[in-house]
Amino acid sequence: MPKGKLTPEGEVIAAYGAAMVAAFQVLINCLEESEALLPGQFPDALGIYMEMVKSQKGGVNDMTLAVLHDIRAATLD
């Protein structure tokens, strides 16, 4: 994917996505450190959820799946 200058709207969307991914990483780290979540459990469960909703008619739109994919990729060990 070519890297070009983002529109102002694109910059807002990118910043929002990056902040959300960072927040999930912090939350998952805290849950793993307190042993409330097993390492790898969250990305695995999110992957299963994504496959499930992809197969459902009218489940989740492509933008939502893209954000979930980014969160899952960022939280994989």
PDB file of N, CA and C in Angstrom:
ATOM      1  N   MET A   1       0.836  -1.168   0.000  1.00  0.00           N
ATOM      2  CA  MET A   1       0.000   0.000   0.000  1.00  0.00           C
ATOM      3  C   MET A   1       0.886   1.238   0.000  1.00  0.00           C
ATOM      4  N   PRO A   2       0.671   2.149  -0.954  1.00  0.00           N
ATOM      5  CA  PRO A   2       1.513   3.332  -1.008  1.00  0.00           C
ATOM      6  C   PRO A   2       1.270   4.261   0.179  1.00  0.00           C
ATOM      7  N   LYS A   3       2.344   4.850   0.631  1.00  0.00           N
ATOM      8  CA  LYS A   3       2.240   5.774   1.769  1.00  0.00           C
ATOM      9  C   LYS A   3       2.204   7.191   1.213  1.00  0.00           C
ATOM     10  N   GLY A   4       1.058   7.836   1.353  1.00  0.00           N
ATOM     11  CA  GLY A   4       0.912   9.199   0.888  1.00  0.00           C
ATOM     12  C   GLY A   4       0.448  10.086   2.017  1.00  0.00           C
ATOM     13  N   LYS A   5       0.219  11.331   1.684  1.00  0.00           N
ATOM     14  CA  LYS A   5      -0.263  12.270   2.686  1.00  0.00           C
ATOM     15  C   LYS A   5      -1.731  11.990   2.950  1.00  0.00           C
ATOM     16  N   LEU A   6      -2.084  11.891   4.213  1.00  0.00           N
ATOM     17  CA  LEU A   6      -3.469  11.657   4.598  1.00  0.00           C
ATOM     18  C   LEU A   6      -4.254  12.955   4.583  1.00  0.00           C
ATOM     19  N   THR A   7      -5.526  12.821   4.308  1.00  0.00           N
ATOM     20  CA  THR A   7      -6.415  13.962   4.446  1.00  0.00           C
ATOM     21  C   THR A   7      -6.577  14.239   5.938  1.00  0.00           C
ATOM     22  N   PRO A   8      -7.078  15.408   6.306  1.00  0.00           N
ATOM     23  CA  PRO A   8      -7.317  15.663   7.733  1.00  0.00           C
ATOM     24  C   PRO A   8      -8.230  14.601   8.357  1.00  0.00           C
ATOM     25  N   GLU A   9      -9.242  14.169   7.618  1.00  0.00           N
ATOM     26  CA  GLU A   9     -10.131  13.126   8.136  1.00  0.00           C
ATOM     27  C   GLU A   9      -9.378  11.811   8.311  1.00  0.00           C
ATOM     28  N   GLY A  10      -8.500  11.512   7.351  1.00  0.00           N
ATOM     29  CA  GLY A  10      -7.695  10.297   7.440  1.00  0.00           C
ATOM     30  C   GLY A  10      -6.750  10.322   8.624  1.00  0.00           C
ATOM     31  N   GLU A  11      -6.190  11.491   8.914  1.00  0.00           N
ATOM     32  CA  GLU A  11      -5.306  11.625  10.076  1.00  0.00           C
ATOM     33  C   GLU A  11      -6.065  11.377  11.367  1.00  0.00           C
ATOM     34  N   VAL A  12      -7.290  11.875  11.443  1.00  0.00           N
ATOM     35  CA  VAL A  12      -8.111  11.658  12.644  1.00  0.00           C
ATOM     36  C   VAL A  12      -8.423  10.183  12.800  1.00  0.00           C
ATOM     37  N   ILE A  13      -8.795   9.533  11.714  1.00  0.00           N
ATOM     38  CA  ILE A  13      -9.121   8.103  11.767  1.00  0.00           C
ATOM     39  C   ILE A  13      -7.889   7.291  12.160  1.00  0.00           C
ATOM     40  N   ALA A  14      -6.736   7.622  11.590  1.00  0.00           N
ATOM     41  CA  ALA A  14      -5.500   6.901  11.914  1.00  0.00           C
ATOM     42  C   ALA A  14      -5.115   7.103  13.378  1.00  0.00           C
ATOM     43  N   ALA A  15      -5.249   8.325  13.873  1.00  0.00           N
ATOM     44  CA  ALA A  15      -4.917   8.606  15.277  1.00  0.00           C
ATOM     45  C   ALA A  15      -5.863   7.869  16.211  1.00  0.00           C
ATOM     46  N   TYR A  16      -7.139   7.849  15.879  1.00  0.00           N
ATOM     47  CA  TYR A  16      -8.123   7.127  16.690  1.00  0.00           C
ATOM     48  C   TYR A  16      -7.788   5.639  16.730  1.00  0.00           C
ATOM     49  N   GLY A  17      -7.493   5.067  15.575  1.00  0.00           N
ATOM     50  CA  GLY A  17      -7.155   3.645  15.515  1.00  0.00           C
ATOM     51  C   GLY A  17      -5.909   3.319  16.321  1.00  0.00           C
ATOM     52  N   ALA A  18      -4.884   4.157  16.205  1.00  0.00           N
ATOM     53  CA  ALA A  18      -3.640   3.921  16.943  1.00  0.00           C
ATOM     54  C   ALA A  18      -3.868   4.026  18.444  1.00  0.00           C
ATOM     55  N   ALA A  19      -4.674   4.987  18.865  1.00  0.00           N
ATOM     56  CA  ALA A  19      -4.960   5.144  20.298  1.00  0.00           C
ATOM     57  C   ALA A  19      -5.761   3.957  20.823  1.00  0.00           C
ATOM     58  N   MET A  20      -6.694   3.465  20.034  1.00  0.00           N
ATOM     59  CA  MET A  20      -7.505   2.328  20.468  1.00  0.00           C
ATOM     60  C   MET A  20      -6.640   1.070  20.591  1.00  0.00           C
ATOM     61  N   VAL A  21      -5.768   0.851  19.619  1.00  0.00           N
ATOM     62  CA  VAL A  21      -4.874  -0.303  19.678  1.00  0.00           C
ATOM     63  C   VAL A  21      -3.970  -0.209  20.903  1.00  0.00           C
ATOM     64  N   ALA A  22      -3.416   0.957  21.166  1.00  0.00           N
ATOM     65  CA  ALA A  22      -2.550   1.134  22.343  1.00  0.00           C
ATOM     66  C   ALA A  22      -3.315   0.865  23.631  1.00  0.00           C
ATOM     67  N   ALA A  23      -4.548   1.346  23.705  1.00  0.00           N
ATOM     68  CA  ALA A  23      -5.359   1.118  24.908  1.00  0.00           C
ATOM     69  C   ALA A  23      -5.613  -0.367  25.116  1.00  0.00           C
ATOM     70  N   PHE A  24      -5.894  -1.094  24.049  1.00  0.00           N
ATOM     71  CA  PHE A  24      -6.106  -2.540  24.178  1.00  0.00           C
ATOM     72  C   PHE A  24      -4.826  -3.242  24.612  1.00  0.00           C
ATOM     73  N   GLN A  25      -3.689  -2.820  24.089  1.00  0.00           N
ATOM     74  CA  GLN A  25      -2.426  -3.434  24.495  1.00  0.00           C
ATOM     75  C   GLN A  25      -2.172  -3.233  25.988  1.00  0.00           C
ATOM     76  N   VAL A  26      -2.426  -2.044  26.491  1.00  0.00           N
ATOM     77  CA  VAL A  26      -2.239  -1.770  27.918  1.00  0.00           C
ATOM     78  C   VAL A  26      -3.210  -2.606  28.747  1.00  0.00           C
ATOM     79  N   LEU A  27      -4.468  -2.639  28.350  1.00  0.00           N
ATOM     80  CA  LEU A  27      -5.469  -3.419  29.075  1.00  0.00           C
ATOM     81  C   LEU A  27      -5.099  -4.896  29.114  1.00  0.00           C
ATOM     82  N   ILE A  28      -4.715  -5.444  27.984  1.00  0.00           N
ATOM     83  CA  ILE A  28      -4.354  -6.863  27.920  1.00  0.00           C
ATOM     84  C   ILE A  28      -3.127  -7.146  28.770  1.00  0.00           C
ATOM     85  N   ASN A  29      -2.130  -6.258  28.722  1.00  0.00           N
ATOM     86  CA  ASN A  29      -0.939  -6.445  29.566  1.00  0.00           C
ATOM     87  C   ASN A  29      -1.309  -6.459  31.039  1.00  0.00           C
ATOM     88  N   CYS A  30      -2.188  -5.557  31.453  1.00  0.00           N
ATOM     89  CA  CYS A  30      -2.615  -5.515  32.859  1.00  0.00           C
ATOM     90  C   CYS A  30      -3.357  -6.795  33.240  1.00  0.00           C
ATOM     91  N   LEU A  31      -4.240  -7.246  32.378  1.00  0.00           N
ATOM     92  CA  LEU A  31      -5.004  -8.470  32.672  1.00  0.00           C
ATOM     93  C   LEU A  31      -4.097  -9.698  32.720  1.00  0.00           C
ATOM     94  N   GLU A  32      -3.092  -9.745  31.834  1.00  0.00           N
ATOM     95  CA  GLU A  32      -2.162 -10.873  31.864  1.00  0.00           C
ATOM     96  C   GLU A  32      -1.281 -10.835  33.101  1.00  0.00           C
ATOM     97  N   GLU A  33      -0.829  -9.654  33.494  1.00  0.00           N
ATOM     98  CA  GLU A  33       0.016  -9.532  34.683  1.00  0.00           C
ATOM     99  C   GLU A  33      -0.732  -9.924  35.953  1.00  0.00           C
ATOM    100  N   SER A  34      -2.031  -9.667  35.988  1.00  0.00           N
ATOM    101  CA  SER A  34      -2.827 -10.039  37.159  1.00  0.00           C
ATOM    102  C   SER A  34      -3.375 -11.462  37.032  1.00  0.00           C
ATOM    103  N   GLU A  35      -2.972 -12.136  35.977  1.00  0.00           N
ATOM    104  CA  GLU A  35      -3.368 -13.521  35.699  1.00  0.00           C
ATOM    105  C   GLU A  35      -4.878 -13.687  35.522  1.00  0.00           C
ATOM    106  N   ALA A  36      -5.543 -12.614  35.115  1.00  0.00           N
ATOM    107  CA  ALA A  36      -6.967 -12.695  34.790  1.00  0.00           C
ATOM    108  C   ALA A  36      -7.156 -13.156  33.347  1.00  0.00           C
ATOM    109  N   LEU A  37      -6.095 -13.097  32.566  1.00  0.00           N
ATOM    110  CA  LEU A  37      -6.124 -13.467  31.154  1.00  0.00           C
ATOM    111  C   LEU A  37      -4.850 -14.232  30.854  1.00  0.00           C
ATOM    112  N   LEU A  38      -4.969 -15.337  30.166  1.00  0.00           N
ATOM    113  CA  LEU A  38      -3.794 -16.109  29.790  1.00  0.00           C
ATOM    114  C   LEU A  38      -3.107 -15.456  28.598  1.00  0.00           C
ATOM    115  N   PRO A  39      -1.776 -15.537  28.519  1.00  0.00           N
ATOM    116  CA  PRO A  39      -1.083 -14.974  27.357  1.00  0.00           C
ATOM    117  C   PRO A  39      -1.616 -15.608  26.065  1.00  0.00           C
ATOM    118  N   GLY A  40      -1.930 -14.769  25.095  1.00  0.00           N
ATOM    119  CA  GLY A  40      -2.440 -15.254  23.811  1.00  0.00           C
ATOM    120  C   GLY A  40      -3.929 -15.505  23.773  1.00  0.00           C
ATOM    121  N   GLN A  41      -4.584 -15.469  24.906  1.00  0.00           N
ATOM    122  CA  GLN A  41      -6.012 -15.778  24.964  1.00  0.00           C
ATOM    123  C   GLN A  41      -6.852 -14.731  24.221  1.00  0.00           C
ATOM    124  N   PHE A  42      -6.553 -13.456  24.395  1.00  0.00           N
ATOM    125  CA  PHE A  42      -7.346 -12.408  23.765  1.00  0.00           C
ATOM    126  C   PHE A  42      -7.258 -12.450  22.240  1.00  0.00           C
ATOM    127  N   PRO A  43      -6.041 -12.469  21.641  1.00  0.00           N
ATOM    128  CA  PRO A  43      -5.991 -12.490  20.184  1.00  0.00           C
ATOM    129  C   PRO A  43      -6.633 -13.744  19.591  1.00  0.00           C
ATOM    130  N   ASP A  44      -6.504 -14.875  20.278  1.00  0.00           N
ATOM    131  CA  ASP A  44      -7.139 -16.100  19.795  1.00  0.00           C
ATOM    132  C   ASP A  44      -8.662 -15.975  19.801  1.00  0.00           C
ATOM    133  N   ALA A  45      -9.198 -15.456  20.889  1.00  0.00           N
ATOM    134  CA  ALA A  45     -10.646 -15.288  20.992  1.00  0.00           C
ATOM    135  C   ALA A  45     -11.147 -14.261  19.978  1.00  0.00           C
ATOM    136  N   LEU A  46     -10.399 -13.202  19.777  1.00  0.00           N
ATOM    137  CA  LEU A  46     -10.787 -12.187  18.803  1.00  0.00           C
ATOM    138  C   LEU A  46     -10.768 -12.764  17.390  1.00  0.00           C
ATOM    139  N   GLY A  47      -9.793 -13.592  17.089  1.00  0.00           N
ATOM    140  CA  GLY A  47      -9.730 -14.250  15.777  1.00  0.00           C
ATOM    141  C   GLY A  47     -10.933 -15.144  15.534  1.00  0.00           C
ATOM    142  N   ILE A  48     -11.326 -15.894  16.543  1.00  0.00           N
ATOM    143  CA  ILE A  48     -12.507 -16.754  16.431  1.00  0.00           C
ATOM    144  C   ILE A  48     -13.753 -15.906  16.202  1.00  0.00           C
ATOM    145  N   TYR A  49     -13.873 -14.815  16.956  1.00  0.00           N
ATOM    146  CA  TYR A  49     -15.019 -13.922  16.793  1.00  0.00           C
ATOM    147  C   TYR A  49     -15.068 -13.351  15.373  1.00  0.00           C
ATOM    148  N   MET A  50     -13.926 -12.917  14.864  1.00  0.00           N
ATOM    149  CA  MET A  50     -13.885 -12.333  13.527  1.00  0.00           C
ATOM    150  C   MET A  50     -14.312 -13.349  12.468  1.00  0.00           C
ATOM    151  N   GLU A  51     -13.854 -14.580  12.590  1.00  0.00           N
ATOM    152  CA  GLU A  51     -14.258 -15.613  11.629  1.00  0.00           C
ATOM    153  C   GLU A  51     -15.757 -15.885  11.732  1.00  0.00           C
ATOM    154  N   MET A  52     -16.280 -15.871  12.933  1.00  0.00           N
ATOM    155  CA  MET A  52     -17.696 -16.133  13.141  1.00  0.00           C
ATOM    156  C   MET A  52     -18.550 -15.045  12.492  1.00  0.00           C
ATOM    157  N   VAL A  53     -18.213 -13.779  12.703  1.00  0.00           N
ATOM    158  CA  VAL A  53     -19.038 -12.706  12.154  1.00  0.00           C
ATOM    159  C   VAL A  53     -18.874 -12.561  10.645  1.00  0.00           C
ATOM    160  N   LYS A  54     -17.715 -12.960  10.109  1.00  0.00           N
ATOM    161  CA  LYS A  54     -17.532 -12.924   8.654  1.00  0.00           C
ATOM    162  C   LYS A  54     -18.516 -13.867   7.962  1.00  0.00           C
ATOM    163  N   SER A  55     -18.819 -14.976   8.610  1.00  0.00           N
ATOM    164  CA  SER A  55     -19.692 -15.975   7.998  1.00  0.00           C
ATOM    165  C   SER A  55     -21.180 -15.638   8.166  1.00  0.00           C
ATOM    166  N   GLN A  56     -21.499 -14.669   9.004  1.00  0.00           N
ATOM    167  CA  GLN A  56     -22.893 -14.290   9.222  1.00  0.00           C
ATOM    168  C   GLN A  56     -23.301 -13.222   8.220  1.00  0.00           C
ATOM    169  N   LYS A  57     -24.514 -13.342   7.736  1.00  0.00           N
ATOM    170  CA  LYS A  57     -25.037 -12.354   6.795  1.00  0.00           C
ATOM    171  C   LYS A  57     -25.337 -11.055   7.553  1.00  0.00           C
ATOM    172  N   GLY A  58     -24.807  -9.943   7.070  1.00  0.00           N
ATOM    173  CA  GLY A  58     -25.044  -8.657   7.703  1.00  0.00           C
ATOM    174  C   GLY A  58     -24.396  -8.511   9.067  1.00  0.00           C
ATOM    175  N   GLY A  59     -23.310  -9.254   9.318  1.00  0.00           N
ATOM    176  CA  GLY A  59     -22.662  -9.232  10.630  1.00  0.00           C
ATOM    177  C   GLY A  59     -21.956  -7.939  10.939  1.00  0.00           C
ATOM    178  N   VAL A  60     -20.740  -7.767  10.450  1.00  0.00           N
ATOM    179  CA  VAL A  60     -19.904  -6.611  10.770  1.00  0.00           C
ATOM    180  C   VAL A  60     -19.369  -6.035   9.465  1.00  0.00           C
ATOM    181  N   ASN A  61     -19.304  -4.711   9.383  1.00  0.00           N
ATOM    182  CA  ASN A  61     -18.821  -4.111   8.137  1.00  0.00           C
ATOM    183  C   ASN A  61     -17.303  -4.233   8.010  1.00  0.00           C
ATOM    184  N   ASP A  62     -16.801  -3.948   6.814  1.00  0.00           N
ATOM    185  CA  ASP A  62     -15.377  -4.120   6.523  1.00  0.00           C
ATOM    186  C   ASP A  62     -14.484  -3.215   7.370  1.00  0.00           C
ATOM    187  N   MET A  63     -14.944  -2.012   7.675  1.00  0.00           N
ATOM    188  CA  MET A  63     -14.140  -1.084   8.488  1.00  0.00           C
ATOM    189  C   MET A  63     -13.963  -1.635   9.903  1.00  0.00           C
ATOM    190  N   THR A  64     -15.037  -2.166  10.464  1.00  0.00           N
ATOM    191  CA  THR A  64     -14.955  -2.762  11.800  1.00  0.00           C
ATOM    192  C   THR A  64     -14.010  -3.950  11.799  1.00  0.00           C
ATOM    193  N   LEU A  65     -14.120  -4.798  10.787  1.00  0.00           N
ATOM    194  CA  LEU A  65     -13.214  -5.952  10.697  1.00  0.00           C
ATOM    195  C   LEU A  65     -11.763  -5.506  10.550  1.00  0.00           C
ATOM    196  N   ALA A  66     -11.522  -4.434   9.825  1.00  0.00           N
ATOM    197  CA  ALA A  66     -10.157  -3.928   9.667  1.00  0.00           C
ATOM    198  C   ALA A  66      -9.593  -3.452  11.004  1.00  0.00           C
ATOM    199  N   VAL A  67     -10.417  -2.761  11.787  1.00  0.00           N
ATOM    200  CA  VAL A  67      -9.969  -2.300  13.103  1.00  0.00           C
ATOM    201  C   VAL A  67      -9.709  -3.498  14.011  1.00  0.00           C
ATOM    202  N   LEU A  68     -10.609  -4.472  14.008  1.00  0.00           N
ATOM    203  CA  LEU A  68     -10.411  -5.679  14.820  1.00  0.00           C
ATOM    204  C   LEU A  68      -9.148  -6.422  14.396  1.00  0.00           C
ATOM    205  N   HIS A  69      -8.892  -6.472  13.100  1.00  0.00           N
ATOM    206  CA  HIS A  69      -7.673  -7.123  12.606  1.00  0.00           C
ATOM    207  C   HIS A  69      -6.432  -6.403  13.135  1.00  0.00           C
ATOM    208  N   ASP A  70      -6.438  -5.069  13.101  1.00  0.00           N
ATOM    209  CA  ASP A  70      -5.294  -4.301  13.607  1.00  0.00           C
ATOM    210  C   ASP A  70      -5.085  -4.537  15.103  1.00  0.00           C
ATOM    211  N   ILE A  71      -6.173  -4.578  15.858  1.00  0.00           N
ATOM    212  CA  ILE A  71      -6.064  -4.831  17.291  1.00  0.00           C
ATOM    213  C   ILE A  71      -5.510  -6.224  17.526  1.00  0.00           C
ATOM    214  N   ARG A  72      -6.018  -7.195  16.798  1.00  0.00           N
ATOM    215  CA  ARG A  72      -5.545  -8.580  16.964  1.00  0.00           C
ATOM    216  C   ARG A  72      -4.064  -8.685  16.608  1.00  0.00           C
ATOM    217  N   ALA A  73      -3.666  -8.090  15.496  1.00  0.00           N
ATOM    218  CA  ALA A  73      -2.250  -8.147  15.067  1.00  0.00           C
ATOM    219  C   ALA A  73      -1.344  -7.486  16.103  1.00  0.00           C
ATOM    220  N   ALA A  74      -1.789  -6.376  16.676  1.00  0.00           N
ATOM    221  CA  ALA A  74      -0.968  -5.656  17.644  1.00  0.00           C
ATOM    222  C   ALA A  74      -0.878  -6.385  18.982  1.00  0.00           C
ATOM    223  N   THR A  75      -1.837  -7.243  19.281  1.00  0.00           N
ATOM    224  CA  THR A  75      -1.834  -7.930  20.574  1.00  0.00           C
ATOM    225  C   THR A  75      -1.269  -9.344  20.506  1.00  0.00           C
ATOM    226  N   LEU A  76      -0.888  -9.784  19.318  1.00  0.00           N
ATOM    227  CA  LEU A  76      -0.232 -11.094  19.216  1.00  0.00           C
ATOM    228  C   LEU A  76       1.166 -11.003  19.794  1.00  0.00           C
ATOM    229  N   ASP A  77       1.605 -12.013  20.487  1.00  0.00           N
ATOM    230  CA  ASP A  77       2.959 -12.008  21.081  1.00  0.00           C
ATOM    231  C   ASP A  77       4.003 -12.406  20.082  1.00  0.00           C
TER     232      ASP A  77
END
